Amino acid sequence: SALVGVFNLMGGIDFVSSLLKGVSDTPII
């Protein structure tokens, strides 16, 4: 929880989210 909290403050969760969503326009992928 400490690591995820720091990573979130860094903007990391938004970054990983954009990476995953960039994999495909198809949600199931």
PDB file of all heavy atoms in Angstrom:
ATOM      1  N   SER A   1       0.831  -1.206   0.000  1.00  0.00           N
ATOM      2  CA  SER A   1       0.000   0.000   0.000  1.00  0.00           C
ATOM      3  C   SER A   1       0.866   1.256   0.000  1.00  0.00           C
ATOM      4  O   SER A   1       0.511   2.259  -0.628  1.00  0.00           O
ATOM      5  CB  SER A   1      -0.963   0.000   1.196  1.00  0.00           C
ATOM      6  OG  SER A   1      -0.259  -0.082   2.415  1.00  0.00           O
ATOM      7  N   ALA A   2       2.010   1.199   0.681  1.00  0.00           N
ATOM      8  CA  ALA A   2       2.935   2.336   0.670  1.00  0.00           C
ATOM      9  C   ALA A   2       3.494   2.557  -0.732  1.00  0.00           C
ATOM     10  O   ALA A   2       3.521   3.692  -1.239  1.00  0.00           O
ATOM     11  CB  ALA A   2       4.074   2.096   1.659  1.00  0.00           C
ATOM     12  N   LEU A   3       3.918   1.470  -1.384  1.00  0.00           N
ATOM     13  CA  LEU A   3       4.506   1.588  -2.725  1.00  0.00           C
ATOM     14  C   LEU A   3       3.487   2.083  -3.743  1.00  0.00           C
ATOM     15  O   LEU A   3       3.778   2.972  -4.558  1.00  0.00           O
ATOM     16  CB  LEU A   3       5.086   0.240  -3.158  1.00  0.00           C
ATOM     17  CG  LEU A   3       5.799   0.218  -4.515  1.00  0.00           C
ATOM     18  CD1 LEU A   3       7.002   1.149  -4.511  1.00  0.00           C
ATOM     19  CD2 LEU A   3       6.223  -1.195  -4.887  1.00  0.00           C
ATOM     20  N   VAL A   4       2.280   1.511  -3.699  1.00  0.00           N
ATOM     21  CA  VAL A   4       1.235   1.921  -4.640  1.00  0.00           C
ATOM     22  C   VAL A   4       0.849   3.386  -4.396  1.00  0.00           C
ATOM     23  O   VAL A   4       0.605   4.138  -5.349  1.00  0.00           O
ATOM     24  CB  VAL A   4      -0.007   1.001  -4.521  1.00  0.00           C
ATOM     25  CG1 VAL A   4      -1.181   1.565  -5.310  1.00  0.00           C
ATOM     26  CG2 VAL A   4       0.330  -0.400  -5.032  1.00  0.00           C
ATOM     27  N   GLY A   5       0.835   3.805  -3.122  1.00  0.00           N
ATOM     28  CA  GLY A   5       0.522   5.194  -2.805  1.00  0.00           C
ATOM     29  C   GLY A   5       1.538   6.160  -3.398  1.00  0.00           C
ATOM     30  O   GLY A   5       1.169   7.179  -3.994  1.00  0.00           O
ATOM     31  N   VAL A   6       2.821   5.844  -3.237  1.00  0.00           N
ATOM     32  CA  VAL A   6       3.885   6.688  -3.795  1.00  0.00           C
ATOM     33  C   VAL A   6       3.815   6.681  -5.321  1.00  0.00           C
ATOM     34  O   VAL A   6       3.934   7.730  -5.974  1.00  0.00           O
ATOM     35  CB  VAL A   6       5.270   6.208  -3.300  1.00  0.00           C
ATOM     36  CG1 VAL A   6       6.396   6.937  -4.042  1.00  0.00           C
ATOM     37  CG2 VAL A   6       5.410   6.418  -1.804  1.00  0.00           C
ATOM     38  N   PHE A   7       3.621   5.486  -5.898  1.00  0.00           N
ATOM     39  CA  PHE A   7       3.549   5.356  -7.358  1.00  0.00           C
ATOM     40  C   PHE A   7       2.375   6.158  -7.923  1.00  0.00           C
ATOM     41  O   PHE A   7       2.481   6.780  -8.985  1.00  0.00           O
ATOM     42  CB  PHE A   7       3.424   3.876  -7.724  1.00  0.00           C
ATOM     43  CG  PHE A   7       3.612   3.579  -9.189  1.00  0.00           C
ATOM     44  CD1 PHE A   7       4.727   4.012  -9.869  1.00  0.00           C
ATOM     45  CD2 PHE A   7       2.648   2.850  -9.894  1.00  0.00           C
ATOM     46  CE1 PHE A   7       4.909   3.737 -11.213  1.00  0.00           C
ATOM     47  CE2 PHE A   7       2.816   2.567 -11.230  1.00  0.00           C
ATOM     48  CZ  PHE A   7       3.955   3.006 -11.899  1.00  0.00           C
ATOM     49  N   ASN A   8       1.277   6.163  -7.195  1.00  0.00           N
ATOM     50  CA  ASN A   8       0.098   6.934  -7.610  1.00  0.00           C
ATOM     51  C   ASN A   8       0.396   8.431  -7.590  1.00  0.00           C
ATOM     52  O   ASN A   8       0.038   9.173  -8.515  1.00  0.00           O
ATOM     53  CB  ASN A   8      -1.073   6.616  -6.679  1.00  0.00           C
ATOM     54  CG  ASN A   8      -2.389   7.168  -7.194  1.00  0.00           C
ATOM     55  OD1 ASN A   8      -2.533   7.487  -8.367  1.00  0.00           O
ATOM     56  ND2 ASN A   8      -3.360   7.293  -6.313  1.00  0.00           N
ATOM     57  N   LEU A   9       1.069   8.898  -6.517  1.00  0.00           N
ATOM     58  CA  LEU A   9       1.431  10.310  -6.416  1.00  0.00           C
ATOM     59  C   LEU A   9       2.389  10.726  -7.538  1.00  0.00           C
ATOM     60  O   LEU A   9       2.351  11.859  -8.021  1.00  0.00           O
ATOM     61  CB  LEU A   9       2.091  10.588  -5.061  1.00  0.00           C
ATOM     62  CG  LEU A   9       1.165  10.640  -3.841  1.00  0.00           C
ATOM     63  CD1 LEU A   9       1.984  10.738  -2.566  1.00  0.00           C
ATOM     64  CD2 LEU A   9       0.202  11.816  -3.945  1.00  0.00           C
ATOM     65  N   MET A  10       3.235   9.808  -7.959  1.00  0.00           N
ATOM     66  CA  MET A  10       4.164  10.076  -9.066  1.00  0.00           C
ATOM     67  C   MET A  10       3.436  10.211 -10.404  1.00  0.00           C
ATOM     68  O   MET A  10       3.997  10.701 -11.375  1.00  0.00           O
ATOM     69  CB  MET A  10       5.186   8.931  -9.176  1.00  0.00           C
ATOM     70  CG  MET A  10       6.214   8.869  -8.069  1.00  0.00           C
ATOM     71  SD  MET A  10       7.088   7.263  -8.028  1.00  0.00           S
ATOM     72  CE  MET A  10       7.709   7.149  -9.717  1.00  0.00           C
ATOM     73  N   GLY A  11       2.187   9.742 -10.430  1.00  0.00           N
ATOM     74  CA  GLY A  11       1.450   9.712 -11.694  1.00  0.00           C
ATOM     75  C   GLY A  11       1.624   8.393 -12.416  1.00  0.00           C
ATOM     76  O   GLY A  11       1.252   8.249 -13.586  1.00  0.00           O
ATOM     77  N   GLY A  12       2.174   7.412 -11.689  1.00  0.00           N
ATOM     78  CA  GLY A  12       2.489   6.115 -12.299  1.00  0.00           C
ATOM     79  C   GLY A  12       1.266   5.311 -12.682  1.00  0.00           C
ATOM     80  O   GLY A  12       1.261   4.632 -13.715  1.00  0.00           O
ATOM     81  N   ILE A  13       0.216   5.405 -11.860  1.00  0.00           N
ATOM     82  CA  ILE A  13      -0.979   4.611 -12.154  1.00  0.00           C
ATOM     83  C   ILE A  13      -1.639   5.105 -13.445  1.00  0.00           C
ATOM     84  O   ILE A  13      -2.077   4.304 -14.282  1.00  0.00           O
ATOM     85  CB  ILE A  13      -1.956   4.636 -10.957  1.00  0.00           C
ATOM     86  CG1 ILE A  13      -1.337   3.842  -9.790  1.00  0.00           C
ATOM     87  CG2 ILE A  13      -3.313   4.072 -11.330  1.00  0.00           C
ATOM     88  CD1 ILE A  13      -2.169   3.774  -8.538  1.00  0.00           C
ATOM     89  N   ASP A  14      -1.686   6.412 -13.627  1.00  0.00           N
ATOM     90  CA  ASP A  14      -2.226   6.970 -14.884  1.00  0.00           C
ATOM     91  C   ASP A  14      -1.356   6.566 -16.074  1.00  0.00           C
ATOM     92  O   ASP A  14      -1.863   6.278 -17.159  1.00  0.00           O
ATOM     93  CB  ASP A  14      -2.306   8.505 -14.800  1.00  0.00           C
ATOM     94  CG  ASP A  14      -3.369   8.966 -13.820  1.00  0.00           C
ATOM     95  OD1 ASP A  14      -4.307   8.182 -13.564  1.00  0.00           O
ATOM     96  OD2 ASP A  14      -3.252  10.087 -13.300  1.00  0.00           O
ATOM     97  N   PHE A  15      -0.033   6.520 -15.828  1.00  0.00           N
ATOM     98  CA  PHE A  15       0.906   6.141 -16.890  1.00  0.00           C
ATOM     99  C   PHE A  15       0.692   4.683 -17.313  1.00  0.00           C
ATOM    100  O   PHE A  15       0.586   4.380 -18.504  1.00  0.00           O
ATOM    101  CB  PHE A  15       2.341   6.348 -16.397  1.00  0.00           C
ATOM    102  CG  PHE A  15       3.400   5.848 -17.349  1.00  0.00           C
ATOM    103  CD1 PHE A  15       3.637   6.503 -18.557  1.00  0.00           C
ATOM    104  CD2 PHE A  15       4.150   4.722 -17.040  1.00  0.00           C
ATOM    105  CE1 PHE A  15       4.617   6.037 -19.431  1.00  0.00           C
ATOM    106  CE2 PHE A  15       5.121   4.251 -17.901  1.00  0.00           C
ATOM    107  CZ  PHE A  15       5.354   4.915 -19.102  1.00  0.00           C
ATOM    108  N   VAL A  16       0.613   3.783 -16.314  1.00  0.00           N
ATOM    109  CA  VAL A  16       0.399   2.350 -16.613  1.00  0.00           C
ATOM    110  C   VAL A  16      -0.968   2.152 -17.250  1.00  0.00           C
ATOM    111  O   VAL A  16      -1.121   1.344 -18.177  1.00  0.00           O
ATOM    112  CB  VAL A  16       0.540   1.503 -15.319  1.00  0.00           C
ATOM    113  CG1 VAL A  16       0.149   0.050 -15.587  1.00  0.00           C
ATOM    114  CG2 VAL A  16       1.960   1.565 -14.792  1.00  0.00           C
ATOM    115  N   SER A  17      -1.968   2.903 -16.771  1.00  0.00           N
ATOM    116  CA  SER A  17      -3.316   2.815 -17.341  1.00  0.00           C
ATOM    117  C   SER A  17      -3.312   3.182 -18.821  1.00  0.00           C
ATOM    118  O   SER A  17      -3.918   2.477 -19.643  1.00  0.00           O
ATOM    119  CB  SER A  17      -4.266   3.732 -16.567  1.00  0.00           C
ATOM    120  OG  SER A  17      -5.548   3.738 -17.142  1.00  0.00           O
ATOM    121  N   SER A  18      -2.612   4.258 -19.161  1.00  0.00           N
ATOM    122  CA  SER A  18      -2.548   4.672 -20.579  1.00  0.00           C
ATOM    123  C   SER A  18      -1.795   3.643 -21.412  1.00  0.00           C
ATOM    124  O   SER A  18      -2.143   3.395 -22.576  1.00  0.00           O
ATOM    125  CB  SER A  18      -1.888   6.042 -20.707  1.00  0.00           C
ATOM    126  OG  SER A  18      -0.545   5.992 -20.272  1.00  0.00           O
ATOM    127  N   LEU A  19      -0.771   3.017 -20.809  1.00  0.00           N
ATOM    128  CA  LEU A  19      -0.030   1.969 -21.525  1.00  0.00           C
ATOM    129  C   LEU A  19      -0.926   0.780 -21.833  1.00  0.00           C
ATOM    130  O   LEU A  19      -0.936   0.257 -22.957  1.00  0.00           O
ATOM    131  CB  LEU A  19       1.164   1.495 -20.690  1.00  0.00           C
ATOM    132  CG  LEU A  19       2.451   2.309 -20.732  1.00  0.00           C
ATOM    133  CD1 LEU A  19       3.510   1.655 -19.850  1.00  0.00           C
ATOM    134  CD2 LEU A  19       2.977   2.446 -22.149  1.00  0.00           C
ATOM    135  N   LEU A  20      -1.677   0.326 -20.803  1.00  0.00           N
ATOM    136  CA  LEU A  20      -2.545  -0.844 -20.980  1.00  0.00           C
ATOM    137  C   LEU A  20      -3.667  -0.555 -21.980  1.00  0.00           C
ATOM    138  O   LEU A  20      -3.974  -1.386 -22.844  1.00  0.00           O
ATOM    139  CB  LEU A  20      -3.145  -1.275 -19.645  1.00  0.00           C
ATOM    140  CG  LEU A  20      -2.226  -2.085 -18.722  1.00  0.00           C
ATOM    141  CD1 LEU A  20      -2.850  -2.249 -17.350  1.00  0.00           C
ATOM    142  CD2 LEU A  20      -1.924  -3.450 -19.327  1.00  0.00           C
ATOM    143  N   LYS A  21      -4.249   0.638 -21.859  1.00  0.00           N
ATOM    144  CA  LYS A  21      -5.324   0.990 -22.788  1.00  0.00           C
ATOM    145  C   LYS A  21      -4.795   1.172 -24.210  1.00  0.00           C
ATOM    146  O   LYS A  21      -5.539   1.008 -25.189  1.00  0.00           O
ATOM    147  CB  LYS A  21      -6.030   2.265 -22.324  1.00  0.00           C
ATOM    148  CG  LYS A  21      -6.892   2.059 -21.090  1.00  0.00           C
ATOM    149  CD  LYS A  21      -7.537   3.350 -20.639  1.00  0.00           C
ATOM    150  CE  LYS A  21      -8.374   3.166 -19.395  1.00  0.00           C
ATOM    151  NZ  LYS A  21      -8.938   4.440 -18.898  1.00  0.00           N
ATOM    152  N   GLY A  22      -3.509   1.489 -24.311  1.00  0.00           N
ATOM    153  CA  GLY A  22      -2.897   1.652 -25.628  1.00  0.00           C
ATOM    154  C   GLY A  22      -2.579   0.339 -26.311  1.00  0.00           C
ATOM    155  O   GLY A  22      -2.226   0.316 -27.491  1.00  0.00           O
ATOM    156  N   VAL A  23      -2.685  -0.756 -25.576  1.00  0.00           N
ATOM    157  CA  VAL A  23      -2.421  -2.083 -26.165  1.00  0.00           C
ATOM    158  C   VAL A  23      -3.396  -2.366 -27.291  1.00  0.00           C
ATOM    159  O   VAL A  23      -3.035  -2.896 -28.349  1.00  0.00           O
ATOM    160  CB  VAL A  23      -2.524  -3.184 -25.077  1.00  0.00           C
ATOM    161  CG1 VAL A  23      -2.535  -4.579 -25.708  1.00  0.00           C
ATOM    162  CG2 VAL A  23      -1.382  -3.059 -24.090  1.00  0.00           C
ATOM    163  N   SER A  24      -4.667  -2.004 -27.073  1.00  0.00           N
ATOM    164  CA  SER A  24      -5.700  -2.258 -28.080  1.00  0.00           C
ATOM    165  C   SER A  24      -6.921  -1.382 -27.788  1.00  0.00           C
ATOM    166  O   SER A  24      -7.149  -0.972 -26.642  1.00  0.00           O
ATOM    167  CB  SER A  24      -6.103  -3.741 -28.057  1.00  0.00           C
ATOM    168  OG  SER A  24      -7.211  -3.980 -28.889  1.00  0.00           O
ATOM    169  N   ASP A  25      -7.685  -1.117 -28.829  1.00  0.00           N
ATOM    170  CA  ASP A  25      -8.952  -0.402 -28.651  1.00  0.00           C
ATOM    171  C   ASP A  25     -10.067  -1.345 -28.213  1.00  0.00           C
ATOM    172  O   ASP A  25     -11.159  -0.904 -27.863  1.00  0.00           O
ATOM    173  CB  ASP A  25      -9.359   0.287 -29.971  1.00  0.00           C
ATOM    174  CG  ASP A  25      -8.409   1.416 -30.339  1.00  0.00           C
ATOM    175  OD1 ASP A  25      -7.836   2.014 -29.410  1.00  0.00           O
ATOM    176  OD2 ASP A  25      -8.234   1.684 -31.538  1.00  0.00           O
ATOM    177  N   THR A  26      -9.782  -2.649 -28.270  1.00  0.00           N
ATOM    178  CA  THR A  26     -10.772  -3.650 -27.873  1.00  0.00           C
ATOM    179  C   THR A  26     -10.620  -3.961 -26.394  1.00  0.00           C
ATOM    180  O   THR A  26      -9.565  -4.456 -25.959  1.00  0.00           O
ATOM    181  CB  THR A  26     -10.580  -4.959 -28.683  1.00  0.00           C
ATOM    182  OG1 THR A  26     -10.538  -4.646 -30.069  1.00  0.00           O
ATOM    183  CG2 THR A  26     -11.699  -5.934 -28.392  1.00  0.00           C
ATOM    184  N   PRO A  27     -11.630  -3.662 -25.569  1.00  0.00           N
ATOM    185  CA  PRO A  27     -11.504  -3.858 -24.110  1.00  0.00           C
ATOM    186  C   PRO A  27     -11.090  -5.266 -23.702  1.00  0.00           C
ATOM    187  O   PRO A  27     -10.298  -5.434 -22.770  1.00  0.00           O
ATOM    188  CB  PRO A  27     -12.910  -3.522 -23.597  1.00  0.00           C
ATOM    189  CG  PRO A  27     -13.470  -2.579 -24.600  1.00  0.00           C
ATOM    190  CD  PRO A  27     -12.923  -3.041 -25.918  1.00  0.00           C
ATOM    191  N   ILE A  28     -11.608  -6.271 -24.393  1.00  0.00           N
ATOM    192  CA  ILE A  28     -11.309  -7.651 -23.993  1.00  0.00           C
ATOM    193  C   ILE A  28      -9.822  -7.968 -24.156  1.00  0.00           C
ATOM    194  O   ILE A  28      -9.250  -8.755 -23.393  1.00  0.00           O
ATOM    195  CB  ILE A  28     -12.188  -8.663 -24.792  1.00  0.00           C
ATOM    196  CG1 ILE A  28     -12.202 -10.024 -24.086  1.00  0.00           C
ATOM    197  CG2 ILE A  28     -11.707  -8.807 -26.217  1.00  0.00           C
ATOM    198  CD1 ILE A  28     -12.909 -10.023 -22.775  1.00  0.00           C
ATOM    199  N   ILE A  29      -9.163  -7.338 -25.138  1.00  0.00           N
ATOM    200  CA  ILE A  29      -7.720  -7.544 -25.332  1.00  0.00           C
ATOM    201  C   ILE A  29      -6.952  -6.961 -24.148  1.00  0.00           C
ATOM    202  O   ILE A  29      -5.960  -7.539 -23.685  1.00  0.00           O
ATOM    203  CB  ILE A  29      -7.241  -6.897 -26.659  1.00  0.00           C
ATOM    204  CG1 ILE A  29      -7.972  -7.510 -27.862  1.00  0.00           C
ATOM    205  CG2 ILE A  29      -5.731  -7.055 -26.820  1.00  0.00           C
ATOM    206  CD1 ILE A  29      -7.710  -8.993 -28.059  1.00  0.00           C
TER     207      ILE A  29
END
